[in-house]
PDB file of N, CA and C in Angstrom:
ATOM      1  N   MET A   1      19.461  14.187   9.202  1.00  0.00           N
ATOM      2  CA  MET A   1      19.251  15.621   9.248  1.00  0.00           C
ATOM      3  C   MET A   1      17.993  15.731   8.505  1.00  0.00           C
ATOM      4  N   ARG A   2      17.744  15.088   7.463  1.00  0.00           N
ATOM      5  CA  ARG A   2      16.392  15.337   6.618  1.00  0.00           C
ATOM      6  C   ARG A   2      15.088  14.941   7.452  1.00  0.00           C
ATOM      7  N   SER A   3      15.392  13.908   8.197  1.00  0.00           N
ATOM      8  CA  SER A   3      14.215  13.153   9.171  1.00  0.00           C
ATOM      9  C   SER A   3      13.923  14.305  10.305  1.00  0.00           C
ATOM     10  N   THR A   4      14.705  14.859  10.559  1.00  0.00           N
ATOM     11  CA  THR A   4      14.662  16.142  11.854  1.00  0.00           C
ATOM     12  C   THR A   4      13.830  17.194  11.215  1.00  0.00           C
ATOM     13  N   ALA A   5      14.046  17.459  10.021  1.00  0.00           N
ATOM     14  CA  ALA A   5      13.427  18.646   9.294  1.00  0.00           C
ATOM     15  C   ALA A   5      11.887  18.360   9.110  1.00  0.00           C
ATOM     16  N   LEU A   6      11.758  17.009   8.694  1.00  0.00           N
ATOM     17  CA  LEU A   6      10.475  16.363   8.384  1.00  0.00           C
ATOM     18  C   LEU A   6       9.462  16.401   9.596  1.00  0.00           C
ATOM     19  N   ARG A   7      10.347  16.014  10.837  1.00  0.00           N
ATOM     20  CA  ARG A   7       9.510  15.741  12.208  1.00  0.00           C
ATOM     21  C   ARG A   7       9.350  17.382  12.377  1.00  0.00           C
ATOM     22  N   ALA A   8      10.089  18.385  12.327  1.00  0.00           N
ATOM     23  CA  ALA A   8       9.903  19.707  12.779  1.00  0.00           C
ATOM     24  C   ALA A   8       8.519  20.303  11.820  1.00  0.00           C
ATOM     25  N   LEU A   9       8.722  20.101  10.480  1.00  0.00           N
ATOM     26  CA  LEU A   9       7.651  20.418   9.659  1.00  0.00           C
ATOM     27  C   LEU A   9       6.284  19.878   9.963  1.00  0.00           C
ATOM     28  N   LYS A  10       6.362  18.452  10.301  1.00  0.00           N
ATOM     29  CA  LYS A  10       5.058  17.910  10.751  1.00  0.00           C
ATOM     30  C   LYS A  10       4.559  18.405  12.142  1.00  0.00           C
ATOM     31  N   HIS A  11       5.397  18.757  12.954  1.00  0.00           N
ATOM     32  CA  HIS A  11       4.963  19.495  14.265  1.00  0.00           C
ATOM     33  C   HIS A  11       4.440  20.684  13.866  1.00  0.00           C
ATOM     34  N   ILE A  12       4.786  21.554  13.084  1.00  0.00           N
ATOM     35  CA  ILE A  12       4.387  22.773  12.743  1.00  0.00           C
ATOM     36  C   ILE A  12       2.843  22.641  12.263  1.00  0.00           C
ATOM     37  N   VAL A  13       2.893  21.831  11.236  1.00  0.00           N
ATOM     38  CA  VAL A  13       1.648  21.603  10.586  1.00  0.00           C
ATOM     39  C   VAL A  13       0.634  21.064  11.582  1.00  0.00           C
ATOM     40  N   ARG A  14       0.873  19.989  12.266  1.00  0.00           N
ATOM     41  CA  ARG A  14      -0.120  19.624  13.308  1.00  0.00           C
ATOM     42  C   ARG A  14      -0.681  20.740  14.256  1.00  0.00           C
ATOM     43  N   GLY A  15       0.543  21.710  14.654  1.00  0.00           N
ATOM     44  CA  GLY A  15       0.108  22.853  15.513  1.00  0.00           C
ATOM     45  C   GLY A  15      -0.842  23.795  14.804  1.00  0.00           C
ATOM     46  N   SER A  16      -0.594  24.073  13.668  1.00  0.00           N
ATOM     47  CA  SER A  16      -1.436  24.890  12.898  1.00  0.00           C
ATOM     48  C   SER A  16      -2.746  24.398  12.560  1.00  0.00           C
ATOM     49  N   VAL A  17      -2.941  23.205  12.282  1.00  0.00           N
ATOM     50  CA  VAL A  17      -4.441  22.378  12.014  1.00  0.00           C
ATOM     51  C   VAL A  17      -5.106  22.546  13.299  1.00  0.00           C
ATOM     52  N   GLU A  18      -4.225  21.938  14.280  1.00  0.00           N
ATOM     53  CA  GLU A  18      -5.150  21.975  15.799  1.00  0.00           C
ATOM     54  C   GLU A  18      -5.561  23.548  16.146  1.00  0.00           C
ATOM     55  N   GLU A  19      -4.604  24.518  16.181  1.00  0.00           N
ATOM     56  CA  GLU A  19      -5.007  25.837  16.191  1.00  0.00           C
ATOM     57  C   GLU A  19      -6.214  26.335  15.484  1.00  0.00           C
ATOM     58  N   ALA A  20      -6.147  26.038  14.006  1.00  0.00           N
ATOM     59  CA  ALA A  20      -7.478  26.315  13.149  1.00  0.00           C
ATOM     60  C   ALA A  20      -8.570  25.656  13.580  1.00  0.00           C
ATOM     61  N   LEU A  21      -8.571  24.146  13.976  1.00  0.00           N
ATOM     62  CA  LEU A  21      -9.798  23.504  14.377  1.00  0.00           C
ATOM     63  C   LEU A  21     -10.396  24.022  15.612  1.00  0.00           C
ATOM     64  N   ASN A  22      -9.523  24.484  16.416  1.00  0.00           N
ATOM     65  CA  ASN A  22     -10.085  24.792  17.827  1.00  0.00           C
ATOM     66  C   ASN A  22     -10.649  26.083  17.443  1.00  0.00           C
ATOM     67  N   ALA A  23     -10.115  27.041  16.608  1.00  0.00           N
ATOM     68  CA  ALA A  23     -10.738  28.356  16.672  1.00  0.00           C
ATOM     69  C   ALA A  23     -12.114  27.958  15.836  1.00  0.00           C
ATOM     70  N   LEU A  24     -12.183  27.331  14.781  1.00  0.00           N
ATOM     71  CA  LEU A  24     -13.448  26.897  14.126  1.00  0.00           C
ATOM     72  C   LEU A  24     -14.521  26.343  15.137  1.00  0.00           C
ATOM     73  N   LEU A  25     -13.999  25.501  15.780  1.00  0.00           N
ATOM     74  CA  LEU A  25     -15.071  25.009  16.936  1.00  0.00           C
ATOM     75  C   LEU A  25     -15.544  26.119  17.891  1.00  0.00           C
ATOM     76  N   ASP A  26     -14.664  26.926  18.167  1.00  0.00           N
ATOM     77  CA  ASP A  26     -14.984  27.975  19.170  1.00  0.00           C
ATOM     78  C   ASP A  26     -16.131  29.033  18.281  1.00  0.00           C
ATOM     79  N   ALA A  27     -15.793  29.371  17.073  1.00  0.00           N
ATOM     80  CA  ALA A  27     -16.398  30.312  16.388  1.00  0.00           C
ATOM     81  C   ALA A  27     -18.014  29.559  16.158  1.00  0.00           C
ATOM     82  N   GLU A  28     -18.120  28.247  16.004  1.00  0.00           N
ATOM     83  CA  GLU A  28     -19.396  27.642  15.576  1.00  0.00           C
ATOM     84  C   GLU A  28     -20.156  27.551  16.875  1.00  0.00           C
ATOM     85  N   ALA A  29     -19.609  27.457  17.990  1.00  0.00           N
ATOM     86  CA  ALA A  29     -20.083  27.569  19.349  1.00  0.00           C
ATOM     87  C   ALA A  29     -20.823  28.889  19.599  1.00  0.00           C
ATOM     88  N   GLY A  30     -20.077  29.758  19.104  1.00  0.00           N
ATOM     89  CA  GLY A  30     -20.439  31.206  19.108  1.00  0.00           C
ATOM     90  C   GLY A  30     -21.683  31.666  18.460  1.00  0.00           C
ATOM     91  N   ARG A  31     -21.725  31.066  17.264  1.00  0.00           N
ATOM     92  CA  ARG A  31     -22.778  31.080  16.414  1.00  0.00           C
ATOM     93  C   ARG A  31     -24.045  30.589  16.987  1.00  0.00           C
ATOM     94  N   LEU A  32     -24.030  29.184  17.495  1.00  0.00           N
ATOM     95  CA  LEU A  32     -25.035  28.398  18.191  1.00  0.00           C
ATOM     96  C   LEU A  32     -25.660  29.205  19.206  1.00  0.00           C
ATOM     97  N   VAL A  33     -24.784  29.723  20.171  1.00  0.00           N
ATOM     98  CA  VAL A  33     -25.092  30.456  21.265  1.00  0.00           C
ATOM     99  C   VAL A  33     -25.793  31.928  21.149  1.00  0.00           C
ATOM    100  N   GLY A  34     -25.110  32.555  20.138  1.00  0.00           N
ATOM    101  CA  GLY A  34     -25.795  33.529  19.705  1.00  0.00           C
ATOM    102  C   GLY A  34     -25.009  34.940  20.441  1.00  0.00           C
ATOM    103  N   ALA A  35     -23.871  34.618  20.835  1.00  0.00           N
ATOM    104  CA  ALA A  35     -22.953  35.511  21.387  1.00  0.00           C
ATOM    105  C   ALA A  35     -21.541  34.957  21.757  1.00  0.00           C
ATOM    106  N   GLY A  36     -20.707  35.862  21.632  1.00  0.00           N
ATOM    107  CA  GLY A  36     -19.257  35.443  21.883  1.00  0.00           C
ATOM    108  C   GLY A  36     -19.041  35.089  23.271  1.00  0.00           C
ATOM    109  N   ARG A  37     -17.775  34.557  23.459  1.00  0.00           N
ATOM    110  CA  ARG A  37     -17.453  34.245  24.732  1.00  0.00           C
ATOM    111  C   ARG A  37     -17.509  35.456  25.787  1.00  0.00           C
ATOM    112  N   TYR A  38     -18.193  35.172  26.945  1.00  0.00           N
ATOM    113  CA  TYR A  38     -18.393  36.244  28.040  1.00  0.00           C
ATOM    114  C   TYR A  38     -19.003  37.513  27.471  1.00  0.00           C
ATOM    115  N   GLN A  39     -19.842  37.503  26.454  1.00  0.00           N
ATOM    116  CA  GLN A  39     -20.524  38.520  25.747  1.00  0.00           C
ATOM    117  C   GLN A  39     -21.941  38.445  26.339  1.00  0.00           C
ATOM    118  N   ARG A  40     -22.350  39.471  26.776  1.00  0.00           N
ATOM    119  CA  ARG A  40     -23.940  39.432  27.179  1.00  0.00           C
ATOM    120  C   ARG A  40     -24.941  40.217  26.115  1.00  0.00           C
ATOM    121  N   THR A  41     -25.792  39.645  25.394  1.00  0.00           N
ATOM    122  CA  THR A  41     -26.621  40.309  24.270  1.00  0.00           C
ATOM    123  C   THR A  41     -27.831  39.677  24.750  1.00  0.00           C
ATOM    124  N   GLU A  42     -29.152  40.429  24.235  1.00  0.00           N
ATOM    125  CA  GLU A  42     -30.469  39.998  24.167  1.00  0.00           C
ATOM    126  C   GLU A  42     -30.627  38.907  23.427  1.00  0.00           C
ATOM    127  N   ALA A  43     -29.792  38.806  22.092  1.00  0.00           N
ATOM    128  CA  ALA A  43     -30.194  37.847  21.262  1.00  0.00           C
ATOM    129  C   ALA A  43     -29.521  36.366  21.594  1.00  0.00           C
ATOM    130  N   ARG A  44     -28.710  36.290  23.009  1.00  0.00           N
ATOM    131  CA  ARG A  44     -28.229  35.197  23.124  1.00  0.00           C
ATOM    132  C   ARG A  44     -29.229  33.940  23.446  1.00  0.00           C
ATOM    133  N   ARG A  45     -28.903  32.935  22.783  1.00  0.00           N
ATOM    134  CA  ARG A  45     -29.955  31.725  22.753  1.00  0.00           C
ATOM    135  C   ARG A  45     -29.499  30.434  23.782  1.00  0.00           C
ATOM    136  N   ASP A  46     -28.264  30.712  24.220  1.00  0.00           N
ATOM    137  CA  ASP A  46     -27.678  29.628  25.054  1.00  0.00           C
ATOM    138  C   ASP A  46     -26.580  30.091  25.773  1.00  0.00           C
ATOM    139  N   THR A  47     -26.028  29.149  26.814  1.00  0.00           N
ATOM    140  CA  THR A  47     -24.686  29.758  27.354  1.00  0.00           C
ATOM    141  C   THR A  47     -23.622  28.533  27.176  1.00  0.00           C
ATOM    142  N   ARG A  48     -22.531  28.741  27.397  1.00  0.00           N
ATOM    143  CA  ARG A  48     -21.390  27.898  27.277  1.00  0.00           C
ATOM    144  C   ARG A  48     -21.220  27.114  28.646  1.00  0.00           C
ATOM    145  N   ALA A  49     -20.767  25.812  28.557  1.00  0.00           N
ATOM    146  CA  ALA A  49     -20.661  25.030  29.732  1.00  0.00           C
ATOM    147  C   ALA A  49     -19.214  24.395  29.887  1.00  0.00           C
ATOM    148  N   GLY A  50     -18.279  25.079  29.428  1.00  0.00           N
ATOM    149  CA  GLY A  50     -17.071  24.672  29.361  1.00  0.00           C
ATOM    150  C   GLY A  50     -16.590  23.784  27.913  1.00  0.00           C
ATOM    151  N   SER A  51     -15.877  23.132  28.168  1.00  0.00           N
ATOM    152  CA  SER A  51     -15.508  22.135  26.940  1.00  0.00           C
ATOM    153  C   SER A  51     -14.919  20.924  27.569  1.00  0.00           C
ATOM    154  N   TYR A  52     -14.482  19.697  26.409  1.00  0.00           N
ATOM    155  CA  TYR A  52     -14.145  18.682  26.882  1.00  0.00           C
ATOM    156  C   TYR A  52     -12.767  18.357  25.970  1.00  0.00           C
ATOM    157  N   GLU A  53     -12.083  17.551  25.955  1.00  0.00           N
ATOM    158  CA  GLU A  53     -10.845  17.355  25.180  1.00  0.00           C
ATOM    159  C   GLU A  53     -11.140  16.237  24.318  1.00  0.00           C
ATOM    160  N   ARG A  54     -10.728  16.426  23.039  1.00  0.00           N
ATOM    161  CA  ARG A  54     -10.917  15.033  22.200  1.00  0.00           C
ATOM    162  C   ARG A  54      -9.785  14.920  21.350  1.00  0.00           C
ATOM    163  N   LYS A  55      -9.323  13.746  21.001  1.00  0.00           N
ATOM    164  CA  LYS A  55      -8.292  13.547  20.014  1.00  0.00           C
ATOM    165  C   LYS A  55      -8.505  13.164  18.916  1.00  0.00           C
ATOM    166  N   LEU A  56      -7.946  13.662  17.760  1.00  0.00           N
ATOM    167  CA  LEU A  56      -8.238  13.426  16.300  1.00  0.00           C
ATOM    168  C   LEU A  56      -6.817  12.947  15.690  1.00  0.00           C
ATOM    169  N   HIS A  57      -6.809  11.787  15.036  1.00  0.00           N
ATOM    170  CA  HIS A  57      -5.587  11.429  14.495  1.00  0.00           C
ATOM    171  C   HIS A  57      -5.664  11.657  12.979  1.00  0.00           C
ATOM    172  N   MET A  58      -4.623  12.501  12.681  1.00  0.00           N
ATOM    173  CA  MET A  58      -4.610  13.127  11.200  1.00  0.00           C
ATOM    174  C   MET A  58      -3.118  12.513  10.610  1.00  0.00           C
ATOM    175  N   THR A  59      -2.926  12.853   9.465  1.00  0.00           N
ATOM    176  CA  THR A  59      -1.899  12.311   8.566  1.00  0.00           C
ATOM    177  C   THR A  59      -0.460  13.037   9.227  1.00  0.00           C
ATOM    178  N   ALA A  60      -0.861  14.389   9.845  1.00  0.00           N
ATOM    179  CA  ALA A  60       0.432  15.061  10.377  1.00  0.00           C
ATOM    180  C   ALA A  60       0.718  14.640  11.751  1.00  0.00           C
ATOM    181  N   GLY A  61      -0.275  13.738  12.471  1.00  0.00           N
ATOM    182  CA  GLY A  61      -0.044  13.407  13.954  1.00  0.00           C
ATOM    183  C   GLY A  61      -1.358  13.788  14.422  1.00  0.00           C
ATOM    184  N   GLU A  62      -1.494  13.402  15.871  1.00  0.00           N
ATOM    185  CA  GLU A  62      -2.539  13.392  16.598  1.00  0.00           C
ATOM    186  C   GLU A  62      -2.860  14.778  17.046  1.00  0.00           C
ATOM    187  N   VAL A  63      -4.007  15.441  17.067  1.00  0.00           N
ATOM    188  CA  VAL A  63      -4.427  16.823  17.567  1.00  0.00           C
ATOM    189  C   VAL A  63      -5.248  16.780  18.715  1.00  0.00           C
ATOM    190  N   LYS A  64      -5.195  17.553  19.553  1.00  0.00           N
ATOM    191  CA  LYS A  64      -6.174  17.615  20.744  1.00  0.00           C
ATOM    192  C   LYS A  64      -7.149  19.006  20.407  1.00  0.00           C
ATOM    193  N   LEU A  65      -8.454  18.464  20.410  1.00  0.00           N
ATOM    194  CA  LEU A  65      -9.536  19.401  20.295  1.00  0.00           C
ATOM    195  C   LEU A  65     -10.131  19.846  21.471  1.00  0.00           C
ATOM    196  N   LYS A  66     -10.393  21.027  21.787  1.00  0.00           N
ATOM    197  CA  LYS A  66     -11.357  21.461  22.690  1.00  0.00           C
ATOM    198  C   LYS A  66     -13.012  21.586  22.203  1.00  0.00           C
ATOM    199  N   VAL A  67     -13.509  20.592  22.557  1.00  0.00           N
ATOM    200  CA  VAL A  67     -14.756  20.573  21.764  1.00  0.00           C
ATOM    201  C   VAL A  67     -15.893  21.331  23.099  1.00  0.00           C
ATOM    202  N   PRO A  68     -16.528  22.508  22.538  1.00  0.00           N
ATOM    203  CA  PRO A  68     -17.403  23.348  23.394  1.00  0.00           C
ATOM    204  C   PRO A  68     -18.624  22.574  23.923  1.00  0.00           C
ATOM    205  N   LYS A  69     -19.032  22.887  25.042  1.00  0.00           N
ATOM    206  CA  LYS A  69     -20.325  22.012  25.548  1.00  0.00           C
ATOM    207  C   LYS A  69     -21.207  23.283  25.804  1.00  0.00           C
ATOM    208  N   LEU A  70     -22.567  23.073  25.379  1.00  0.00           N
ATOM    209  CA  LEU A  70     -23.536  24.241  25.739  1.00  0.00           C
ATOM    210  C   LEU A  70     -24.514  23.593  26.862  1.00  0.00           C
ATOM    211  N   ARG A  71     -25.083  24.535  27.515  1.00  0.00           N
ATOM    212  CA  ARG A  71     -26.196  24.203  28.702  1.00  0.00           C
ATOM    213  C   ARG A  71     -27.344  23.653  28.005  1.00  0.00           C
ATOM    214  N   ARG A  72     -27.999  24.318  26.973  1.00  0.00           N
ATOM    215  CA  ARG A  72     -29.613  23.883  26.407  1.00  0.00           C
ATOM    216  C   ARG A  72     -29.255  23.183  25.398  1.00  0.00           C
ATOM    217  N   GLN A  73     -28.357  22.942  24.678  1.00  0.00           N
ATOM    218  CA  GLN A  73     -28.379  22.336  23.413  1.00  0.00           C
ATOM    219  C   GLN A  73     -27.077  21.343  23.163  1.00  0.00           C
ATOM    220  N   THR A  74     -27.084  20.078  22.416  1.00  0.00           N
ATOM    221  CA  THR A  74     -25.960  19.407  22.270  1.00  0.00           C
ATOM    222  C   THR A  74     -25.022  20.320  21.081  1.00  0.00           C
ATOM    223  N   PHE A  75     -23.877  20.297  21.550  1.00  0.00           N
ATOM    224  CA  PHE A  75     -23.006  20.931  20.436  1.00  0.00           C
ATOM    225  C   PHE A  75     -22.590  19.822  19.140  1.00  0.00           C
ATOM    226  N   GLU A  76     -23.152  19.993  18.188  1.00  0.00           N
ATOM    227  CA  GLU A  76     -22.716  19.064  17.161  1.00  0.00           C
ATOM    228  C   GLU A  76     -21.999  19.999  15.989  1.00  0.00           C
ATOM    229  N   THR A  77     -20.738  19.432  15.783  1.00  0.00           N
ATOM    230  CA  THR A  77     -20.068  20.485  14.730  1.00  0.00           C
ATOM    231  C   THR A  77     -20.188  19.981  13.444  1.00  0.00           C
ATOM    232  N   ALA A  78     -20.141  20.846  12.425  1.00  0.00           N
ATOM    233  CA  ALA A  78     -20.261  20.436  11.148  1.00  0.00           C
ATOM    234  C   ALA A  78     -18.574  20.147  10.443  1.00  0.00           C
ATOM    235  N   ILE A  79     -17.788  20.283  11.389  1.00  0.00           N
ATOM    236  CA  ILE A  79     -16.582  20.144  11.046  1.00  0.00           C
ATOM    237  C   ILE A  79     -16.027  18.741  11.131  1.00  0.00           C
ATOM    238  N   ILE A  80     -16.499  18.095  12.221  1.00  0.00           N
ATOM    239  CA  ILE A  80     -15.890  16.662  12.568  1.00  0.00           C
ATOM    240  C   ILE A  80     -17.009  15.918  12.758  1.00  0.00           C
ATOM    241  N   GLU A  81     -17.372  14.799  12.459  1.00  0.00           N
ATOM    242  CA  GLU A  81     -18.678  13.968  12.799  1.00  0.00           C
ATOM    243  C   GLU A  81     -18.389  13.452  14.336  1.00  0.00           C
ATOM    244  N   ARG A  82     -19.508  13.189  14.885  1.00  0.00           N
ATOM    245  CA  ARG A  82     -19.617  13.076  16.247  1.00  0.00           C
ATOM    246  C   ARG A  82     -18.592  11.961  17.096  1.00  0.00           C
ATOM    247  N   TYR A  83     -18.617  10.726  16.474  1.00  0.00           N
ATOM    248  CA  TYR A  83     -17.504   9.888  16.860  1.00  0.00           C
ATOM    249  C   TYR A  83     -16.571   9.602  15.906  1.00  0.00           C
ATOM    250  N   GLN A  84     -15.927  10.377  15.094  1.00  0.00           N
ATOM    251  CA  GLN A  84     -14.775  10.188  14.091  1.00  0.00           C
ATOM    252  C   GLN A  84     -13.523  10.599  14.877  1.00  0.00           C
ATOM    253  N   ARG A  85     -12.838   9.519  14.878  1.00  0.00           N
ATOM    254  CA  ARG A  85     -11.545   9.712  15.586  1.00  0.00           C
ATOM    255  C   ARG A  85     -10.274   9.832  14.559  1.00  0.00           C
ATOM    256  N   ARG A  86     -10.469   9.517  13.230  1.00  0.00           N
ATOM    257  CA  ARG A  86      -9.524   9.753  12.270  1.00  0.00           C
ATOM    258  C   ARG A  86      -9.816  10.507  11.374  1.00  0.00           C
ATOM    259  N   GLU A  87      -8.855  11.528  10.937  1.00  0.00           N
ATOM    260  CA  GLU A  87      -9.325  12.442   9.765  1.00  0.00           C
ATOM    261  C   GLU A  87      -9.313  11.416   8.524  1.00  0.00           C
ATOM    262  N   SER A  88     -10.267  12.036   7.593  1.00  0.00           N
ATOM    263  CA  SER A  88     -10.462  11.459   6.515  1.00  0.00           C
ATOM    264  C   SER A  88     -10.428  12.676   5.541  1.00  0.00           C
ATOM    265  N   SER A  89     -10.959  13.649   5.723  1.00  0.00           N
ATOM    266  CA  SER A  89     -11.015  15.098   4.812  1.00  0.00           C
ATOM    267  C   SER A  89     -10.975  16.240   5.579  1.00  0.00           C
ATOM    268  N   VAL A  90     -10.324  16.158   6.863  1.00  0.00           N
ATOM    269  CA  VAL A  90     -10.575  17.656   7.648  1.00  0.00           C
ATOM    270  C   VAL A  90      -9.735  18.614   6.874  1.00  0.00           C
ATOM    271  N   GLU A  91      -8.503  18.200   6.397  1.00  0.00           N
ATOM    272  CA  GLU A  91      -7.689  19.156   5.600  1.00  0.00           C
ATOM    273  C   GLU A  91      -8.524  19.785   4.434  1.00  0.00           C
ATOM    274  N   GLU A  92      -9.042  18.961   3.492  1.00  0.00           N
ATOM    275  CA  GLU A  92      -9.866  19.217   2.388  1.00  0.00           C
ATOM    276  C   GLU A  92     -11.007  20.154   3.185  1.00  0.00           C
ATOM    277  N   ALA A  93     -11.844  20.000   4.125  1.00  0.00           N
ATOM    278  CA  ALA A  93     -12.789  20.551   4.603  1.00  0.00           C
ATOM    279  C   ALA A  93     -12.329  22.007   4.948  1.00  0.00           C
ATOM    280  N   LEU A  94     -11.224  22.117   5.921  1.00  0.00           N
ATOM    281  CA  LEU A  94     -10.558  23.405   6.116  1.00  0.00           C
ATOM    282  C   LEU A  94     -10.337  24.173   5.120  1.00  0.00           C
ATOM    283  N   ILE A  95      -9.863  23.649   3.973  1.00  0.00           N
ATOM    284  CA  ILE A  95      -9.345  24.618   2.840  1.00  0.00           C
ATOM    285  C   ILE A  95     -10.790  24.981   2.191  1.00  0.00           C
ATOM    286  N   GLU A  96     -11.864  24.155   1.900  1.00  0.00           N
ATOM    287  CA  GLU A  96     -13.094  24.769   1.540  1.00  0.00           C
ATOM    288  C   GLU A  96     -13.753  25.743   2.245  1.00  0.00           C
ATOM    289  N   MET A  97     -13.771  25.533   3.757  1.00  0.00           N
ATOM    290  CA  MET A  97     -14.051  26.526   4.552  1.00  0.00           C
ATOM    291  C   MET A  97     -13.298  27.897   4.567  1.00  0.00           C
ATOM    292  N   TYR A  98     -12.081  27.747   4.393  1.00  0.00           N
ATOM    293  CA  TYR A  98     -11.374  28.939   4.266  1.00  0.00           C
ATOM    294  C   TYR A  98     -11.569  29.679   3.189  1.00  0.00           C
ATOM    295  N   LEU A  99     -11.729  28.921   1.869  1.00  0.00           N
ATOM    296  CA  LEU A  99     -12.105  29.704   0.645  1.00  0.00           C
ATOM    297  C   LEU A  99     -13.574  30.044   0.676  1.00  0.00           C
ATOM    298  N   ALA A 100     -14.484  29.536   1.656  1.00  0.00           N
ATOM    299  CA  ALA A 100     -15.819  30.040   1.439  1.00  0.00           C
ATOM    300  C   ALA A 100     -15.895  31.245   2.342  1.00  0.00           C
ATOM    301  N   GLY A 101     -14.789  31.655   3.154  1.00  0.00           N
ATOM    302  CA  GLY A 101     -15.165  32.760   4.056  1.00  0.00           C
ATOM    303  C   GLY A 101     -15.365  32.292   5.263  1.00  0.00           C
ATOM    304  N   ALA A 102     -15.183  31.205   5.795  1.00  0.00           N
ATOM    305  CA  ALA A 102     -15.380  30.909   7.169  1.00  0.00           C
ATOM    306  C   ALA A 102     -14.469  31.237   8.215  1.00  0.00           C
ATOM    307  N   ALA A 103     -13.119  31.257   7.920  1.00  0.00           N
ATOM    308  CA  ALA A 103     -12.122  31.505   8.512  1.00  0.00           C
ATOM    309  C   ALA A 103     -11.837  32.992   8.563  1.00  0.00           C
TER     310      ALA A 103
END
């Protein structure tokens, strides 16, 4: 019974982390582009070109990230290093970003 509850908790944590990371990636792309998704502004610096899926192994399990692609520039996130496949301090970074007001 206890292992079932632990698995359920890990699933909830993994889902929350996945959702938070994808939201942060989307917000970061919006800042680079200079406009929100489907938004037309004169300050726009780039356009989105879809996304690609990437997996990240964390202590709570594997999360699937939707990494945005941009037309004119390479999207490099400050959240996760380019070729990083295993989480080392993503949870700590999320907490720091939240406390700094990024979320």
